[in-house]
């Protein structure tokens, strides 16, 4: 869950640049609390150019992507046959 939250944060923070309005909805905080992690969820709707987040202060701060590229690199490796699927 912690790794997933990091991926979501990075992907969504880049999407907020397209938004003309960002609203805070703390409803999503229970998901992070249940896993005992700090995180932020940002949902953007391109048709209305608006975003909603569970933590406006955290969503406004930039973070390094850290291991964000592990999933795309793994998928690319599997699809190109560079990595062998062991499962």
Foldseek 3Di string as FASTA:
>chain_A
DQLVQLLQLVVQLVLLVQAPEEEADLPCVVVCVVVVHDHKHKDADNVRRYIYMNDPVVSVDDDDSVVNCVVVVVVVCVVVVVDDDPD
